[in-house]
Amino acid sequence: MAAKIVVRDATKRFGGVVAFEHLSFEVGEHEVLCILGPSGCGKTTLLRVLDGLTAPSGGEVRIDGRPVTCPSRDVAMVFQHFGLFPWKRLEDNIAYGLRLLGRPKPEVCETVDRYVRLVGLAGFERHYPFQLSGGMQQRAGLARALAVNPSVLLMDEPFGALDAQTREMLQEELLRILDREPKTVVFVTHSVDEAIVLGDRILVMSARPGRVREVLTVDIPRPRDLAKTRADDRAIRLRTHIWDRLRRFAGGPAPAGE
């Protein structure tokens, strides 16, 4: 599999604080890489480096063979706390990136309509964010990211603030969307189960300063079903292995229910 994203010996410092150091990994074309690690190990900072929002203090980061030096129209990010403009209707939030790119009005309308339907929000186009549930707002954030047709999708705990039922529904939604429209995805999560369900591979980081401790392959074929995947013997063994590693790298027992 050709490498879409290449990170080589990357380090990020903020003054005397080292967020992560000597990170090296690759992400293949249309691969979903999930990143797990304790809080504060630099996962979100790593996504900001991949998005070109901040530069690494050392090492290199490349997408499609080109150094990442600034934000690119080929890369989109989905945030944990939705990132919607509260003064804009849903349709205008989704259209925001398209208008920045100068797309003609008929194309904007057609694209917004397509992605509103893809994420199951048809009928809510004229609603403001405060009129939508958390799950609906996150669907809108996902639609906005997908609407600009990025080749790389960066997702920073996008379902972490949602209730368990909505979270699982959106996991299923994301699996369905990526089956239909494959993307290269880097997905940060604190949930081992979520990483196993969504990921092709899982990168496990240590506590700060974050380092790559292990990269694991999720050997479960796609398309995937949430319930069947979680009950799969391979998923159960992988889950046990990951928690063993996380305890070693971060210390302490696995939380109940994970």
Protein backbone atom coordinates (compact mmCIF):
# COMPACT_ATOMS: atom_id res chain seq x y z
CA MET A 1 0.00 0.00 0.00
CA ALA A 2 1.44 3.37 -1.04
CA ALA A 3 2.05 5.80 1.80
CA LYS A 4 -0.29 8.80 1.75
CA ILE A 5 1.08 10.27 4.99
CA VAL A 6 4.68 9.91 6.14
CA VAL A 7 5.86 11.07 9.58
CA ARG A 8 9.59 10.76 10.22
CA ASP A 9 11.23 11.39 13.62
CA ALA A 10 8.75 14.20 14.35
CA THR A 11 8.98 16.13 17.62
CA LYS A 12 6.83 18.98 18.92
CA ARG A 13 7.86 21.24 21.79
CA PHE A 14 6.05 24.14 23.43
CA GLY A 15 8.80 25.96 25.29
CA GLY A 16 10.10 23.46 27.81
CA VAL A 17 7.18 21.05 27.33
CA VAL A 18 7.62 18.20 24.87
CA ALA A 19 4.22 17.12 23.53
CA PHE A 20 5.60 14.21 21.51
CA GLU A 21 9.01 13.18 20.26
CA HIS A 22 10.63 11.00 17.61
CA LEU A 23 7.33 9.86 16.08
CA SER A 24 7.67 7.80 12.91
CA PHE A 25 4.82 6.11 11.06
CA GLU A 26 3.03 5.97 7.73
CA VAL A 27 -0.62 5.90 6.68
CA GLY A 28 -1.59 4.25 3.41
CA GLU A 29 -3.99 5.51 0.77
CA HIS A 30 -7.59 5.00 1.98
CA GLU A 31 -6.36 3.51 5.26
CA VAL A 32 -7.98 4.32 8.62
CA LEU A 33 -5.32 4.74 11.32
CA CYS A 34 -6.69 5.09 14.84
CA ILE A 35 -4.47 6.63 17.51
CA LEU A 36 -4.78 5.62 21.15
CA GLY A 37 -2.89 6.95 24.13
CA PRO A 38 -3.26 8.56 27.54
CA SER A 39 -4.45 12.15 27.90
CA GLY A 40 -1.72 14.69 27.27
CA CYS A 41 0.44 12.45 25.06
CA GLY A 42 0.20 14.80 22.08
CA LYS A 43 -2.54 13.18 19.98
CA THR A 44 -4.41 16.41 19.22
CA THR A 45 -1.15 18.28 18.67
CA LEU A 46 -0.15 15.61 16.17
CA LEU A 47 -3.38 16.19 14.22
CA ARG A 48 -2.68 19.93 14.19
CA VAL A 49 0.77 19.22 12.75
CA LEU A 50 -0.75 16.96 10.09
CA ASP A 51 -3.25 19.71 9.26
CA GLY A 52 -0.51 22.32 8.90
CA LEU A 53 -1.86 24.43 11.77
CA THR A 54 1.43 24.17 13.66
CA ALA A 55 4.88 23.10 12.56
CA PRO A 56 6.88 20.26 14.09
CA SER A 57 9.91 21.30 16.13
CA GLY A 58 11.94 18.58 14.47
CA GLY A 59 11.62 15.79 11.94
CA GLU A 60 9.36 15.87 8.90
CA VAL A 61 5.72 15.35 7.97
CA ARG A 62 4.69 14.72 4.36
CA ILE A 63 1.36 14.18 2.62
CA ASP A 64 1.48 12.95 -0.97
CA GLY A 65 5.24 13.37 -0.83
CA ARG A 66 5.05 17.10 -0.05
CA PRO A 67 6.12 18.67 3.26
CA VAL A 68 3.18 19.92 5.33
CA THR A 69 3.83 23.61 5.92
CA CYS A 70 0.32 25.10 6.00
CA PRO A 71 -3.34 24.00 5.82
CA SER A 72 -4.36 22.35 2.56
CA ARG A 73 -7.68 22.01 0.77
CA ASP A 74 -6.90 18.28 0.48
CA VAL A 75 -7.00 17.86 4.27
CA ALA A 76 -10.05 18.40 6.49
CA MET A 77 -10.48 18.09 10.25
CA VAL A 78 -13.50 17.06 12.32
CA PHE A 79 -13.40 18.33 15.90
CA GLN A 80 -14.73 16.87 19.13
CA HIS A 81 -16.87 19.91 19.91
CA PHE A 82 -18.49 20.21 16.48
CA GLY A 83 -16.85 23.50 15.39
CA LEU A 84 -20.06 24.83 13.84
CA PHE A 85 -20.75 28.55 13.48
CA PRO A 86 -23.72 29.22 15.81
CA TRP A 87 -24.98 32.12 13.69
CA LYS A 88 -25.15 30.06 10.49
CA ARG A 89 -27.88 27.62 9.48
CA LEU A 90 -26.90 24.00 8.96
CA GLU A 91 -26.79 24.36 5.18
CA ASP A 92 -24.53 27.41 5.45
CA ASN A 93 -22.19 25.63 7.86
CA ILE A 94 -21.81 22.76 5.42
CA ALA A 95 -21.33 25.17 2.51
CA TYR A 96 -18.67 27.21 4.32
CA GLY A 97 -15.59 25.46 2.92
CA LEU A 98 -17.04 25.28 -0.58
CA ARG A 99 -17.63 29.03 -0.62
CA LEU A 100 -14.10 29.68 0.62
CA LEU A 101 -12.88 27.66 -2.35
CA GLY A 102 -14.95 29.86 -4.67
CA ARG A 103 -17.15 27.07 -5.97
CA PRO A 104 -20.11 28.26 -8.12
CA LYS A 105 -23.48 28.54 -6.40
CA PRO A 106 -25.16 25.64 -8.28
CA GLU A 107 -22.29 23.32 -7.31
CA VAL A 108 -22.46 24.48 -3.69
CA CYS A 109 -26.19 23.80 -3.51
CA GLU A 110 -25.85 20.40 -5.14
CA THR A 111 -22.95 19.36 -2.90
CA VAL A 112 -24.64 20.54 0.30
CA ASP A 113 -27.80 18.66 -0.63
CA ARG A 114 -25.79 15.50 -1.31
CA TYR A 115 -23.95 15.51 2.00
CA VAL A 116 -26.97 16.56 4.04
CA ARG A 117 -28.65 13.42 2.74
CA LEU A 118 -25.54 11.28 3.16
CA VAL A 119 -25.35 12.02 6.91
CA GLY A 120 -29.09 11.76 7.44
CA LEU A 121 -29.92 15.43 8.05
CA ALA A 122 -32.37 16.06 5.22
CA GLY A 123 -35.14 18.34 6.46
CA PHE A 124 -32.89 20.21 8.90
CA GLU A 125 -31.08 22.41 6.39
CA ARG A 126 -32.59 25.66 7.76
CA HIS A 127 -31.95 24.85 11.42
CA TYR A 128 -29.33 26.60 13.54
CA PRO A 129 -26.85 24.52 15.58
CA PHE A 130 -28.65 25.24 18.87
CA GLN A 131 -31.75 23.58 17.39
CA LEU A 132 -29.87 20.32 16.75
CA SER A 133 -28.87 17.52 19.11
CA GLY A 134 -25.20 16.81 19.76
CA GLY A 135 -25.28 13.87 17.39
CA MET A 136 -26.87 15.95 14.66
CA GLN A 137 -24.29 18.70 15.13
CA GLN A 138 -21.49 16.16 14.77
CA ARG A 139 -23.10 14.80 11.61
CA ALA A 140 -23.13 18.37 10.30
CA GLY A 141 -19.45 18.78 11.16
CA LEU A 142 -18.66 15.56 9.30
CA ALA A 143 -20.72 16.69 6.30
CA ARG A 144 -18.88 20.03 6.21
CA ALA A 145 -15.53 18.23 6.18
CA LEU A 146 -16.58 15.76 3.49
CA ALA A 147 -18.21 18.41 1.29
CA VAL A 148 -14.83 19.85 0.19
CA ASN A 149 -13.83 16.33 -0.95
CA PRO A 150 -10.57 16.05 1.00
CA SER A 151 -8.24 13.13 0.36
CA VAL A 152 -7.25 13.11 4.06
CA LEU A 153 -9.69 13.31 6.97
CA LEU A 154 -8.36 14.10 10.45
CA MET A 155 -10.78 13.29 13.29
CA ASP A 156 -10.07 14.46 16.83
CA GLU A 157 -12.24 12.38 19.17
CA PRO A 158 -15.27 13.40 17.11
CA PHE A 159 -17.70 11.20 19.05
CA GLY A 160 -16.14 11.58 22.48
CA ALA A 161 -18.65 14.14 23.81
CA LEU A 162 -21.72 12.12 22.77
CA ASP A 163 -23.83 9.64 24.69
CA ALA A 164 -23.10 5.95 24.13
CA GLN A 165 -26.07 5.26 21.86
CA THR A 166 -25.43 8.26 19.61
CA ARG A 167 -21.75 7.44 19.52
CA GLU A 168 -22.42 3.94 18.20
CA MET A 169 -24.87 5.26 15.64
CA LEU A 170 -22.25 7.66 14.31
CA GLN A 171 -19.59 4.95 14.26
CA GLU A 172 -21.91 2.93 12.03
CA GLU A 173 -22.57 6.04 9.93
CA LEU A 174 -18.85 6.67 9.47
CA LEU A 175 -18.21 3.05 8.47
CA ARG A 176 -20.99 3.33 5.88
CA ILE A 177 -19.67 6.63 4.49
CA LEU A 178 -16.09 5.37 4.21
CA ASP A 179 -17.28 2.21 2.46
CA ARG A 180 -19.02 4.46 -0.06
CA GLU A 181 -16.39 7.22 -0.28
CA PRO A 182 -12.97 5.92 0.88
CA LYS A 183 -10.62 8.44 2.49
CA THR A 184 -7.28 8.34 4.25
CA VAL A 185 -8.29 8.85 7.89
CA VAL A 186 -6.33 9.56 11.06
CA PHE A 187 -8.77 9.10 13.94
CA VAL A 188 -7.85 10.02 17.53
CA THR A 189 -9.84 8.28 20.24
CA HIS A 190 -9.67 7.20 23.88
CA SER A 191 -11.91 4.21 23.20
CA VAL A 192 -10.21 0.88 22.48
CA ASP A 193 -13.49 -0.54 21.16
CA GLU A 194 -13.95 2.41 18.79
CA ALA A 195 -10.40 2.02 17.46
CA ILE A 196 -10.94 -1.68 16.77
CA VAL A 197 -14.30 -1.13 15.05
CA LEU A 198 -13.12 1.73 12.82
CA GLY A 199 -9.42 1.20 12.25
CA ASP A 200 -7.35 -0.75 9.75
CA ARG A 201 -4.42 -0.24 12.09
CA ILE A 202 -4.06 1.15 15.62
CA LEU A 203 -1.12 3.25 16.77
CA VAL A 204 -0.58 3.11 20.53
CA MET A 205 1.26 6.06 22.11
CA SER A 206 2.99 6.37 25.46
CA ALA A 207 2.37 9.06 28.06
CA ARG A 208 3.97 12.48 27.54
CA PRO A 209 6.26 12.94 25.82
CA GLY A 210 4.25 10.83 23.39
CA ARG A 211 6.10 8.17 21.45
CA VAL A 212 4.95 5.37 19.19
CA ARG A 213 4.95 2.23 21.31
CA GLU A 214 3.19 -0.17 19.00
CA VAL A 215 1.30 -0.28 15.71
CA LEU A 216 -1.28 -3.08 15.45
CA THR A 217 -3.23 -4.41 12.49
CA VAL A 218 -6.98 -4.93 12.86
CA ASP A 219 -7.32 -8.18 10.90
CA ILE A 220 -11.10 -7.97 10.46
CA PRO A 221 -12.44 -7.57 6.91
CA ARG A 222 -14.68 -4.76 5.73
CA PRO A 223 -17.52 -3.95 5.49
CA ARG A 224 -17.91 -4.20 9.26
CA ASP A 225 -20.88 -4.50 11.57
CA LEU A 226 -20.43 -3.06 15.07
CA ALA A 227 -21.95 -5.94 17.02
CA LYS A 228 -20.31 -8.68 14.95
CA THR A 229 -16.93 -6.96 15.03
CA ARG A 230 -16.95 -6.57 18.81
CA ALA A 231 -17.94 -10.22 19.25
CA ASP A 232 -15.24 -11.44 16.87
CA ASP A 233 -12.53 -13.50 18.61
CA ARG A 234 -9.85 -11.45 16.85
CA ALA A 235 -11.31 -8.23 18.24
CA ILE A 236 -11.50 -9.66 21.75
CA ARG A 237 -7.86 -10.77 21.67
CA LEU A 238 -6.77 -7.42 20.25
CA ARG A 239 -8.74 -5.51 22.88
CA THR A 240 -7.07 -7.48 25.69
CA HIS A 241 -3.64 -6.93 24.15
CA ILE A 242 -4.16 -3.16 23.75
CA TRP A 243 -5.34 -2.68 27.32
CA ASP A 244 -2.33 -4.59 28.56
CA ARG A 245 -0.09 -2.22 26.61
CA LEU A 246 -1.94 0.91 27.72
CA ARG A 247 -1.61 -0.10 31.36
CA ARG A 248 2.11 -0.60 30.87
CA PHE A 249 2.60 2.71 29.08
CA ALA A 250 0.31 4.86 31.28
CA GLY A 251 -0.02 2.92 34.53
CA GLY A 252 -3.22 1.91 36.32
CA PRO A 253 -6.08 -0.52 35.55
CA ALA A 254 -8.38 -0.36 32.57
CA PRO A 255 -11.61 1.54 33.37
CA ALA A 256 -14.75 -0.50 33.85
CA GLY A 257 -16.79 -0.99 30.69
CA GLU A 258 -13.87 -0.47 28.29
